[in-house]
Amino acid sequence: MFIIIKVFVLVALVRLLLATERPLLCSSAYTVIVAVLSLFFWSMTDAGFLKLLGYTVLTFSLSSIYFWLLNTARNSTVWFILILVLGFLIGLV
């Protein structure tokens, strides 16, 4: 369930990126949504707050790189689709 929600959020944020050309806005929104969902799903497990904080920092770092790459490759269809697909596959993990 968590992965399905992340994919839908990622699709919406890619559309937002195409409309605004602001990769940090998209990565910040993705990080906040994933952090809130992680609080809900991780509260069912016994994961600590520091693990969640580390996961959030890692999510922001990787999503910032991902959305920046998408934004710079928006003029090249082949690179854009390649980065888009690889990002979705990594997001499933």
Protein backbone atom coordinates (compact mmCIF):
# COMPACT_ATOMS: atom_id res chain seq x y z
CA MET A 1 0.00 0.00 0.00
CA PHE A 2 2.84 2.36 0.89
CA ILE A 3 4.55 1.80 -2.46
CA ILE A 4 1.36 2.43 -4.43
CA ILE A 5 0.84 5.74 -2.65
CA LYS A 6 4.47 6.73 -3.30
CA VAL A 7 4.07 6.01 -7.03
CA PHE A 8 0.89 8.11 -7.29
CA VAL A 9 2.59 10.96 -5.43
CA LEU A 10 5.63 10.68 -7.70
CA VAL A 11 3.44 10.88 -10.81
CA ALA A 12 1.69 13.97 -9.47
CA LEU A 13 4.99 15.62 -8.59
CA VAL A 14 6.48 14.93 -12.01
CA ARG A 15 3.47 16.70 -13.50
CA LEU A 16 4.06 19.57 -11.06
CA LEU A 17 7.72 19.70 -12.10
CA LEU A 18 6.74 19.94 -15.76
CA ALA A 19 4.40 22.82 -14.93
CA THR A 20 6.64 24.79 -12.56
CA GLU A 21 10.25 23.78 -13.39
CA ARG A 22 11.08 23.90 -9.65
CA PRO A 23 12.82 20.67 -8.62
CA LEU A 24 13.29 21.65 -4.96
CA LEU A 25 9.58 22.29 -4.58
CA CYS A 26 8.85 18.80 -5.86
CA SER A 27 11.52 17.10 -3.76
CA SER A 28 10.38 18.97 -0.64
CA ALA A 29 6.76 17.98 -1.20
CA TYR A 30 7.76 14.36 -1.86
CA THR A 31 9.87 14.27 1.30
CA VAL A 32 7.09 15.69 3.48
CA ILE A 33 4.51 13.25 2.11
CA VAL A 34 6.83 10.25 2.49
CA ALA A 35 7.83 11.35 6.00
CA VAL A 36 4.19 11.64 7.10
CA LEU A 37 3.32 8.28 5.58
CA SER A 38 6.41 6.76 7.17
CA LEU A 39 5.33 8.05 10.57
CA PHE A 40 2.04 6.26 10.11
CA PHE A 41 3.43 2.99 8.75
CA TRP A 42 6.55 2.93 10.94
CA SER A 43 4.49 3.55 14.08
CA MET A 44 3.12 0.04 13.56
CA THR A 45 6.66 -1.32 13.76
CA ASP A 46 9.33 -0.70 16.35
CA ALA A 47 11.53 1.60 14.26
CA GLY A 48 13.18 4.46 16.10
CA PHE A 49 12.95 8.17 15.48
CA LEU A 50 16.59 8.41 14.38
CA LYS A 51 16.00 5.79 11.68
CA LEU A 52 13.02 7.78 10.44
CA LEU A 53 15.05 10.99 10.48
CA GLY A 54 17.86 9.34 8.52
CA TYR A 55 15.35 7.94 6.05
CA THR A 56 13.85 11.41 5.60
CA VAL A 57 17.25 13.03 4.94
CA LEU A 58 18.11 10.30 2.45
CA THR A 59 14.73 10.69 0.75
CA PHE A 60 15.21 14.44 0.38
CA SER A 61 18.73 14.04 -1.00
CA LEU A 62 17.82 11.40 -3.56
CA SER A 63 14.57 13.05 -4.61
CA SER A 64 16.35 16.39 -5.09
CA ILE A 65 18.84 14.72 -7.41
CA TYR A 66 16.04 12.90 -9.23
CA PHE A 67 13.88 15.98 -9.82
CA TRP A 68 16.93 18.07 -10.79
CA LEU A 69 17.93 15.44 -13.37
CA LEU A 70 14.39 15.36 -14.71
CA ASN A 71 14.31 19.13 -14.95
CA THR A 72 17.62 19.33 -16.81
CA ALA A 73 16.65 16.50 -19.19
CA ARG A 74 13.23 17.87 -20.05
CA ASN A 75 14.34 18.95 -23.55
CA SER A 76 15.61 15.50 -24.47
CA THR A 77 12.79 13.00 -24.69
CA VAL A 78 14.99 9.91 -24.53
CA TRP A 79 16.92 11.01 -21.43
CA PHE A 80 13.75 12.28 -19.76
CA ILE A 81 11.95 8.97 -20.20
CA LEU A 82 15.02 7.00 -19.12
CA ILE A 83 15.42 9.03 -15.93
CA LEU A 84 11.67 8.90 -15.30
CA VAL A 85 11.49 5.10 -15.60
CA LEU A 86 14.64 4.52 -13.52
CA GLY A 87 13.29 6.83 -10.81
CA PHE A 88 10.00 4.93 -10.68
CA LEU A 89 11.83 1.62 -10.45
CA ILE A 90 14.06 2.89 -7.65
CA GLY A 91 10.99 4.30 -5.91
CA LEU A 92 9.46 0.83 -5.83
CA VAL A 93 12.34 -0.49 -3.75
